[in-house]
Protein backbone atom coordinates (compact mmCIF):
# COMPACT_ATOMS: atom_id res chain seq x y z
CA MET A 1 77.91 149.75 117.77
CA PHE A 2 79.19 146.25 117.05
CA LEU A 3 77.32 143.39 115.44
CA SER A 4 79.49 140.42 114.56
CA VAL A 5 79.62 139.00 111.06
CA PHE A 6 78.71 135.70 112.74
CA ASP A 7 75.53 137.21 114.12
CA MET A 8 74.55 138.55 110.72
CA PHE A 9 75.41 135.28 108.96
CA LYS A 10 74.14 132.39 111.08
CA VAL A 11 73.88 128.76 109.99
CA GLY A 12 70.34 127.62 110.59
CA VAL A 13 67.32 125.80 109.23
CA GLY A 14 64.49 126.95 106.96
CA PRO A 15 62.05 128.31 106.25
CA SER A 16 62.29 131.49 108.37
CA SER A 17 64.89 133.11 110.60
CA SER A 18 62.33 135.09 112.59
CA HIS A 19 59.61 132.43 112.63
CA THR A 20 61.67 129.23 112.76
CA ILE A 21 65.20 129.93 114.02
CA GLY A 22 64.13 132.68 116.44
CA PRO A 23 61.46 130.64 118.26
CA MET A 24 63.87 127.69 118.46
CA VAL A 25 66.48 130.00 119.99
CA ALA A 26 63.86 131.35 122.41
CA ALA A 27 62.96 127.82 123.48
CA ALA A 28 66.62 126.99 124.09
CA ARG A 29 67.01 130.13 126.19
CA PHE A 30 63.90 129.24 128.18
CA LEU A 31 65.29 125.79 128.94
CA ASP A 32 68.53 127.38 130.15
CA HIS A 33 66.45 129.72 132.31
CA LEU A 34 64.60 126.78 133.84
CA ARG A 35 67.84 124.95 134.56
CA ALA A 36 68.98 127.94 136.61
CA GLN A 37 65.87 127.96 138.82
CA PRO A 38 65.81 126.55 142.37
CA PHE A 39 62.61 124.67 141.59
CA GLN A 40 61.63 121.95 139.12
CA VAL A 41 58.83 122.39 136.61
CA ALA A 42 56.63 119.48 135.61
CA GLY A 43 55.36 120.70 132.28
CA LEU A 44 55.64 123.33 129.54
CA LYS A 45 53.24 125.54 127.62
CA ALA A 46 53.70 128.12 124.84
CA SER A 47 51.68 130.80 123.07
CA LEU A 48 52.43 132.51 119.75
CA HIS A 49 51.36 136.10 119.10
CA GLY A 50 51.19 138.54 116.21
CA SER A 51 52.91 137.44 113.01
CA LEU A 52 54.16 134.27 114.73
CA ALA A 53 50.52 133.23 115.09
CA PHE A 54 49.16 134.41 111.74
CA THR A 55 51.89 132.81 109.61
CA GLY A 56 53.24 130.37 112.18
CA VAL A 57 52.09 127.14 110.55
CA GLY A 58 53.35 128.17 107.12
CA HIS A 59 56.67 129.20 108.64
CA ALA A 60 56.92 126.02 110.76
CA THR A 61 56.91 128.07 113.98
CA ASP A 62 54.93 125.38 115.80
CA ARG A 63 57.52 122.75 114.83
CA ALA A 64 60.35 125.07 115.87
CA VAL A 65 58.88 125.65 119.33
CA ILE A 66 58.12 121.97 119.88
CA LEU A 67 61.61 120.89 118.81
CA GLY A 68 63.26 123.77 120.66
CA LEU A 69 61.56 122.76 123.89
CA ALA A 70 62.79 119.22 123.25
CA GLY A 71 66.37 120.52 123.10
CA PHE A 72 66.97 120.83 119.35
CA ARG A 73 69.09 123.72 118.08
CA ALA A 74 69.08 125.39 114.67
CA ASP A 75 72.86 125.45 114.19
CA ASP A 76 73.25 121.65 114.40
CA TYR A 77 69.79 120.59 113.26
CA ASP A 78 69.36 116.94 112.26
CA ALA A 79 66.22 116.64 110.11
CA ASP A 80 65.80 112.88 110.48
CA LYS A 81 66.12 112.97 114.27
CA ALA A 82 63.75 115.93 114.40
CA GLU A 83 61.05 114.13 112.43
CA ALA A 84 61.30 111.07 114.65
CA GLU A 85 61.13 113.19 117.80
CA LEU A 86 58.08 115.11 116.55
CA VAL A 87 56.24 111.83 116.09
CA ARG A 88 57.21 110.67 119.58
CA ILE A 89 56.25 113.98 121.25
CA LYS A 90 52.81 114.02 119.64
CA SER A 91 52.26 110.44 120.77
CA ASP A 92 53.74 110.55 124.27
CA LYS A 93 52.85 114.20 124.98
CA THR A 94 56.20 114.78 126.71
CA VAL A 95 59.59 116.34 126.04
CA ALA A 96 62.85 115.46 127.76
CA PRO A 97 65.42 118.26 127.40
CA ASP A 98 68.81 117.62 129.00
CA GLY A 99 68.93 118.39 132.71
CA LEU A 100 65.20 118.89 133.18
CA GLY A 101 63.86 115.37 133.14
CA THR A 102 60.65 114.35 131.40
CA LEU A 103 58.15 117.23 131.13
CA ARG A 104 54.51 117.19 130.11
CA PHE A 105 53.94 118.92 126.78
CA ASP A 106 51.01 118.13 124.51
CA PRO A 107 51.41 120.26 121.35
CA SER A 108 47.70 120.02 120.56
CA ALA A 109 46.72 121.51 123.94
CA ASP A 110 49.82 123.33 125.21
CA LEU A 111 50.79 125.31 122.09
CA LEU A 112 48.39 128.20 121.53
CA PHE A 113 48.08 130.40 118.43
CA ASP A 114 46.77 133.76 119.67
CA TYR A 115 45.23 135.65 116.74
CA GLY A 116 44.46 138.73 118.77
CA PRO A 117 46.52 141.93 118.78
CA PRO A 118 50.31 141.42 118.84
CA LEU A 119 52.24 141.83 122.06
CA ALA A 120 53.40 145.35 122.80
CA GLY A 121 57.11 144.88 122.16
CA HIS A 122 57.25 143.49 118.61
CA ALA A 123 55.13 141.85 115.93
CA ASN A 124 56.85 138.51 116.61
CA GLY A 125 56.08 137.58 120.21
CA LEU A 126 55.92 134.30 122.10
CA LYS A 127 55.36 133.39 125.73
CA LEU A 128 56.87 130.27 127.25
CA HIS A 129 55.54 128.86 130.50
CA GLY A 130 56.67 126.31 133.06
CA THR A 131 53.93 124.54 135.00
CA ASP A 132 53.74 122.58 138.24
CA ALA A 133 52.37 119.08 138.79
CA GLN A 134 48.79 120.42 138.78
CA GLY A 135 49.34 122.19 135.45
CA ASP A 136 49.37 125.69 136.95
CA THR A 137 51.85 128.19 135.52
CA ILE A 138 54.69 128.96 137.93
CA ILE A 139 57.10 130.77 135.57
CA THR A 140 56.63 132.73 132.34
CA VAL A 141 59.10 134.48 130.06
CA THR A 142 58.11 136.61 127.06
CA TYR A 143 60.41 136.56 124.06
CA TYR A 144 60.52 138.60 120.87
CA SER A 145 61.97 137.25 117.63
CA ILE A 146 63.15 140.53 116.13
CA GLY A 147 64.40 139.27 112.76
CA GLY A 148 67.38 137.37 111.43
CA GLY A 149 67.24 134.83 114.26
CA PHE A 150 67.87 137.50 116.90
CA VAL A 151 65.85 137.03 120.10
CA LEU A 152 65.29 139.32 123.09
CA THR A 153 63.32 138.83 126.27
CA GLU A 154 60.70 141.40 127.15
CA ALA A 155 63.06 142.80 129.78
CA GLU A 156 66.00 142.97 127.38
CA LEU A 157 63.91 144.76 124.77
CA ALA A 158 62.68 147.29 127.32
CA ALA A 159 66.24 147.89 128.49
CA GLY A 160 67.52 148.44 124.92
CA LYS A 161 69.76 145.37 125.06
CA ASP A 162 69.75 144.90 121.27
CA THR A 163 73.28 146.29 121.25
CA ASP A 164 76.74 144.94 121.96
CA GLU A 165 77.88 145.28 125.55
CA GLY A 166 81.46 144.10 125.10
CA ALA A 167 84.68 146.08 125.15
CA PRO A 168 84.98 149.03 122.77
CA VAL A 169 85.90 148.19 119.18
CA PRO A 170 88.48 150.12 117.11
CA TYR A 171 85.92 151.38 114.58
CA PRO A 172 82.54 151.85 116.32
CA PHE A 173 80.62 153.35 113.39
CA LYS A 174 76.86 153.59 113.93
CA THR A 175 76.02 155.26 110.62
CA ALA A 176 77.27 155.06 107.07
CA SER A 177 78.57 158.61 107.38
CA GLU A 178 80.68 157.65 110.40
CA MET A 179 81.88 154.58 108.53
CA LEU A 180 83.14 156.65 105.61
CA VAL A 181 84.86 159.19 107.87
CA MET A 182 86.64 156.42 109.77
CA ALA A 183 87.67 154.63 106.58
CA LYS A 184 89.17 157.82 105.16
CA SER A 185 90.89 158.78 108.40
CA ALA A 186 92.41 155.31 108.91
CA ASP A 187 93.01 154.71 105.18
CA LEU A 188 91.30 151.33 105.49
CA THR A 189 88.65 149.47 103.55
CA ILE A 190 85.28 148.72 105.13
CA ALA A 191 86.28 145.04 105.28
CA ASP A 192 89.54 145.98 107.05
CA MET A 193 87.64 147.95 109.70
CA LYS A 194 85.09 145.19 110.15
CA ARG A 195 87.86 142.61 110.55
CA ALA A 196 89.62 144.81 113.11
CA ASN A 197 86.39 145.02 115.08
CA GLU A 198 85.97 141.24 114.92
CA LEU A 199 89.56 140.79 116.16
CA SER A 200 88.58 142.60 119.35
CA ARG A 201 86.24 139.68 120.09
CA ARG A 202 87.91 136.56 118.68
CA LYS A 203 91.19 135.28 117.25
CA ALA A 204 92.14 135.58 113.59
CA LEU A 205 92.01 131.82 113.01
CA GLU A 206 88.49 131.66 114.43
CA ILE A 207 87.39 134.48 112.13
CA ASP A 208 88.96 132.90 109.06
CA THR A 209 87.56 129.46 109.85
CA GLY A 210 84.13 130.88 110.54
CA LEU A 211 84.00 132.89 107.32
CA THR A 212 85.14 129.85 105.34
CA ARG A 213 82.34 127.78 106.86
CA ILE A 214 79.74 130.44 106.13
CA TRP A 215 80.61 130.39 102.43
CA GLU A 216 80.83 126.59 102.35
CA VAL A 217 77.31 126.26 103.78
CA MET A 218 76.01 128.92 101.38
CA ASN A 219 77.64 127.29 98.37
CA ASP A 220 76.54 123.79 99.37
CA CYS A 221 73.00 125.13 99.68
CA ILE A 222 73.17 126.48 96.13
CA ASP A 223 74.49 123.17 94.83
CA ARG A 224 71.74 121.17 96.58
CA GLY A 225 69.10 123.46 95.16
CA LEU A 226 70.53 123.18 91.65
CA THR A 227 70.34 119.39 91.72
CA THR A 228 67.01 118.83 93.49
CA ASP A 229 63.57 118.97 91.94
CA GLY A 230 60.07 118.10 93.08
CA ILE A 231 57.23 119.83 94.90
CA LEU A 232 57.82 122.07 97.92
CA PRO A 233 55.93 121.25 101.14
CA GLY A 234 53.08 123.35 102.50
CA GLY A 235 50.11 122.71 100.22
CA LEU A 236 50.61 125.31 97.48
CA LYS A 237 52.19 122.62 95.28
CA VAL A 238 54.93 125.01 94.19
CA ARG A 239 57.44 123.09 92.11
CA ARG A 240 61.15 123.64 92.36
CA ARG A 241 62.47 125.40 89.25
CA ALA A 242 66.14 126.10 89.94
CA LYS A 243 67.33 122.69 88.72
CA GLY A 244 65.39 122.89 85.47
CA ILE A 245 66.60 126.40 84.70
CA HIS A 246 70.17 125.49 85.59
CA ASP A 247 70.07 122.36 83.42
CA ALA A 248 68.79 124.42 80.49
CA LEU A 249 71.49 127.04 80.98
CA ILE A 250 74.19 124.35 81.01
CA ALA A 251 72.77 122.83 77.82
CA GLU A 252 72.74 126.21 76.09
CA ARG A 253 76.46 126.71 76.69
CA GLY A 254 77.32 124.57 73.67
CA MET A 255 74.94 126.39 71.38
CA ASN A 256 75.13 129.79 69.73
CA GLN A 257 75.97 132.83 71.84
CA PRO A 258 72.98 133.34 74.18
CA ALA A 259 71.25 136.68 74.58
CA PRO A 260 73.11 139.00 76.99
CA HIS A 261 70.20 139.06 79.40
CA THR A 262 70.65 135.32 80.00
CA ILE A 263 73.12 136.24 82.75
CA ASN A 264 70.09 137.33 84.76
CA ASP A 265 68.83 133.75 84.59
CA TRP A 266 72.11 132.52 86.10
CA MET A 267 71.78 134.97 88.98
CA SER A 268 68.15 134.08 89.53
CA THR A 269 68.70 130.34 89.51
CA TYR A 270 71.48 130.59 92.11
CA ALA A 271 69.21 132.61 94.40
CA MET A 272 66.15 130.46 93.76
CA ALA A 273 68.18 127.33 94.54
CA VAL A 274 68.87 128.69 98.03
CA ASN A 275 65.33 129.76 98.71
CA GLU A 276 63.85 126.53 97.45
CA GLU A 277 66.11 124.74 99.92
CA ASN A 278 64.96 127.17 102.60
CA ALA A 279 61.30 126.57 101.76
CA ALA A 280 61.93 122.82 102.09
CA GLY A 281 63.37 123.28 105.59
CA GLY A 282 66.98 122.77 104.54
CA GLN A 283 70.17 124.19 105.99
CA VAL A 284 70.75 127.82 105.02
CA VAL A 285 72.63 130.86 106.27
CA THR A 286 70.73 133.94 107.43
CA ALA A 287 71.79 136.74 105.08
CA PRO A 288 70.45 138.66 106.92
CA THR A 289 67.31 136.49 107.21
CA ASN A 290 66.14 133.14 105.85
CA GLY A 291 63.51 134.72 103.64
CA ALA A 292 66.27 136.76 101.98
CA ALA A 293 68.97 134.09 102.26
CA GLY A 294 69.49 133.69 98.52
CA VAL A 295 70.62 137.18 97.52
CA VAL A 296 74.11 137.31 99.04
CA PRO A 297 75.24 133.77 98.12
CA ALA A 298 73.81 134.13 94.60
CA THR A 299 75.74 137.36 94.12
CA ILE A 300 78.95 135.73 95.33
CA ARG A 301 78.39 132.72 93.08
CA TYR A 302 77.67 134.99 90.11
CA TRP A 303 80.93 136.83 90.78
CA LEU A 304 82.99 133.65 91.16
CA ASP A 305 81.51 131.85 88.16
CA HIS A 306 81.03 134.67 85.68
CA VAL A 307 83.34 137.61 86.44
CA PRO A 308 86.94 137.36 85.19
CA GLY A 309 89.52 137.68 87.94
CA ALA A 310 87.19 136.61 90.76
CA SER A 311 88.84 134.58 93.50
CA VAL A 312 87.37 132.63 96.41
CA ALA A 313 90.17 134.11 98.54
CA ARG A 314 88.26 137.43 98.43
CA VAL A 315 84.96 135.99 99.68
CA PRO A 316 85.80 136.91 103.31
CA ASP A 317 86.12 140.57 102.27
CA PHE A 318 82.75 140.32 100.54
CA LEU A 319 81.13 138.87 103.67
CA LEU A 320 82.76 141.36 106.05
CA THR A 321 81.68 144.31 103.90
CA ALA A 322 78.16 142.95 103.55
CA ALA A 323 77.92 142.38 107.31
CA ALA A 324 78.99 145.95 108.00
CA ILE A 325 76.13 147.26 105.84
CA GLY A 326 73.63 144.81 107.30
CA GLY A 327 74.61 145.87 110.80
CA LEU A 328 73.95 149.53 109.98
CA ILE A 329 70.48 148.70 108.69
CA LYS A 330 69.61 146.49 111.64
CA PHE A 331 70.86 149.08 114.14
CA ASN A 332 69.12 152.05 112.54
CA ALA A 333 65.98 150.43 111.10
CA SER A 334 65.07 146.73 110.89
CA ILE A 335 65.76 143.48 109.07
CA SER A 336 62.39 142.01 110.06
CA GLY A 337 59.61 141.51 107.52
CA ALA A 338 57.08 141.46 110.35
CA GLU A 339 58.28 144.89 111.41
CA CYS A 340 59.01 146.72 108.14
CA GLY A 341 57.93 144.47 105.28
CA CYS A 342 60.13 142.77 102.69
CA GLN A 343 62.08 145.99 102.09
CA ALA A 344 63.72 145.11 105.42
CA GLU A 345 64.62 141.60 104.28
CA VAL A 346 65.32 141.39 100.54
CA GLY A 347 66.05 145.14 100.46
CA THR A 348 68.69 144.76 103.14
CA ALA A 349 70.08 141.62 101.50
CA ALA A 350 70.42 143.44 98.18
CA ALA A 351 72.20 146.35 99.86
CA MET A 352 74.58 143.94 101.58
CA ALA A 353 75.24 142.02 98.36
CA ALA A 354 75.76 145.18 96.32
CA ALA A 355 78.26 146.48 98.87
CA GLY A 356 80.14 143.18 98.99
CA LEU A 357 80.34 142.88 95.22
CA CYS A 358 81.45 146.49 94.84
CA ALA A 359 84.18 145.86 97.44
CA VAL A 360 85.68 142.78 95.78
CA MET A 361 85.58 144.51 92.41
CA GLY A 362 87.82 147.28 93.67
CA GLY A 363 85.29 149.86 94.81
CA THR A 364 86.23 152.61 97.23
CA PRO A 365 84.36 152.97 100.52
CA GLU A 366 82.37 155.79 98.93
CA GLN A 367 81.42 153.62 95.96
CA ILE A 368 80.50 150.75 98.28
CA GLU A 369 78.20 153.02 100.29
CA ASN A 370 76.68 154.23 97.02
CA ALA A 371 76.09 150.65 95.84
CA ALA A 372 74.31 149.74 99.08
CA GLU A 373 72.16 152.86 98.90
CA ILE A 374 71.09 152.22 95.29
CA ALA A 375 70.07 148.66 96.10
CA LEU A 376 68.12 149.62 99.23
CA GLU A 377 66.47 152.67 97.67
CA HIS A 378 64.93 150.59 94.93
CA HIS A 379 63.35 148.16 97.35
CA LEU A 380 61.64 150.85 99.43
CA GLY A 381 57.99 150.12 100.10
CA MET A 382 58.20 146.40 99.28
CA THR A 383 55.57 144.50 101.24
CA CYS A 384 55.78 141.08 102.87
CA ASP A 385 52.65 139.20 101.78
CA PRO A 386 53.49 135.47 101.60
CA VAL A 387 50.77 133.32 100.08
CA LYS A 388 49.40 130.91 102.71
CA GLY A 389 52.07 132.22 105.08
CA LEU A 390 54.69 130.12 103.31
CA VAL A 391 58.16 131.40 102.43
CA GLN A 392 57.61 130.51 98.78
CA VAL A 393 55.48 132.98 96.81
CA PRO A 394 56.67 135.64 96.15
CA CYS A 395 59.79 135.02 98.25
CA ILE A 396 61.72 132.60 96.04
CA GLU A 397 61.64 134.67 92.85
CA ARG A 398 62.05 137.87 94.85
CA ASN A 399 65.53 136.72 95.90
CA GLY A 400 66.49 136.27 92.27
CA LEU A 401 65.41 139.80 91.45
CA GLY A 402 67.18 141.04 94.57
CA CYS A 403 70.42 139.57 93.28
CA ILE A 404 69.94 141.19 89.88
CA LYS A 405 69.31 144.56 91.55
CA ALA A 406 72.39 144.10 93.76
CA VAL A 407 74.65 143.44 90.77
CA SER A 408 73.17 146.38 88.86
CA ALA A 409 73.61 148.65 91.89
CA ALA A 410 77.27 147.65 92.30
CA SER A 411 77.90 148.17 88.60
CA LEU A 412 76.32 151.63 88.61
CA ALA A 413 78.28 152.64 91.69
CA LEU A 414 81.55 151.48 90.12
CA ARG A 415 80.79 153.69 87.11
CA GLY A 416 80.74 156.71 89.41
CA ASP A 417 83.12 158.29 91.89
CA GLY A 418 81.02 157.71 95.02
CA GLN A 419 79.40 161.14 94.98
CA HIS A 420 75.59 160.92 94.95
CA LEU A 421 72.49 162.74 96.13
CA VAL A 422 70.74 160.21 98.37
CA HIS A 423 73.02 158.77 101.02
CA LEU A 424 72.70 155.36 102.62
CA ASP A 425 71.77 156.82 106.01
CA VAL A 426 68.84 158.60 104.36
CA ALA A 427 67.69 155.44 102.58
CA ILE A 428 67.87 153.47 105.85
CA GLU A 429 65.84 156.04 107.75
CA THR A 430 63.32 156.20 104.89
CA MET A 431 62.97 152.44 105.01
CA ARG A 432 62.33 152.60 108.75
CA GLN A 433 59.69 155.31 108.38
CA THR A 434 58.03 153.48 105.48
CA GLY A 435 57.89 150.31 107.55
CA MET A 436 56.28 152.14 110.46
CA ASP A 437 53.65 153.61 108.12
CA MET A 438 52.97 150.31 106.33
CA SER A 439 49.67 148.58 107.08
CA GLU A 440 50.08 145.55 109.33
CA LYS A 441 48.40 143.36 106.72
CA TYR A 442 51.45 143.84 104.51
CA LYS A 443 53.96 142.86 107.20
CA GLU A 444 54.20 139.06 107.22
CA THR A 445 50.69 138.41 108.47
CA ALA A 446 49.34 136.89 105.21
CA LEU A 447 46.33 139.20 105.58
CA GLY A 448 46.84 141.34 102.48
CA GLY A 449 48.34 141.61 99.01
CA LEU A 450 49.22 138.42 97.17
CA ALA A 451 48.37 136.41 100.27
CA VAL A 452 44.64 137.16 99.83
CA ASN A 453 44.48 137.57 96.06
CA VAL A 454 46.12 134.28 95.08
CA PRO A 455 44.14 131.06 95.71
CA ASN A 456 45.77 129.15 98.56
CA CYS A 457 44.70 125.67 97.60
């Protein structure tokens, strides 16, 4: 099993990896599919199903599909150009993706929100259609946005294509147990094994450059969030708080020694800064998703800014270790809130962050596995119930608490020798089973929990 660190950490746009980035990726794939056909389509249509329909407006899924069909991509998204193009599309009722000419597409008539039962393959389904000059459908492809910006067609999902099909990697661990056995046998760290696997796919310079960019985008996102205030879009009138908290923390530095628990406020404000940027549609890195994008960067920033001996030169090891853990969870369970609730998003992010922090603080592979397990175990059962379908409440604060749990988990693991009762593989399987048992109204549909008990306007 191989999942690249660059698949786990993808530069994209907020507010949701599964509901914004995924549909935009699906639209891009559909355009490529149309370019390969021997016939020309005259128009486009789309339908959103399951969670993509129920929380699609709050997650900007409609915007993502419209812009994706117009040729926009999440990894090089230009917000100003996108806004201008949205205005034009709604006025002209056409899109003009490269190589396909001008196509009819009226978002008000050709983009359908289907609030019936979800499609069979996954809670996040969308169908994209090409039409002829009379408006009749002549080609349809069904896509599933399976979390973290990963997208599969209906055929790929049925064929089990959510796995790497490249050449064998040196350390093909599919479980945490296999990972620990391989690490001991090869006398390597988890980051070393992950890097070796990456080297089977790309050159060292590409890996180093890519990891540097990932951290730069993460860190820039924190900095933007710490210096921006105002009201977040969407109608809940949620105000940004990261800047105010950060300003207060800076001011307190010159005063008497603050209470020890103040360090939690530093962690929280770093994470909240990221998720406020995400909620505003800014550039973020999936870690492993947009909704959980604040935990990993906040943990890294906490380590760099507050832990003696921390060095930015070790950030790649943090990211590689975290990606290894995230890959195990994705392969054996899920990172999708629409599939397994927020335990699959913030829970996974906390496990990844705990593992990464434990690694750069000198933890053994056994201690790293223990750190990841502690963090995941104590997110089990967490629901995904966003108010008004927006990635704001409870998502923003939840990332702050996820960071605090990650740091605590790493610290506890480092106090031990790696021997523990509940192993990471068990926690992952428990998370999967819990997600399967969880009521659909608690899985990113905005039909239960806080989403129905908090006034939306």
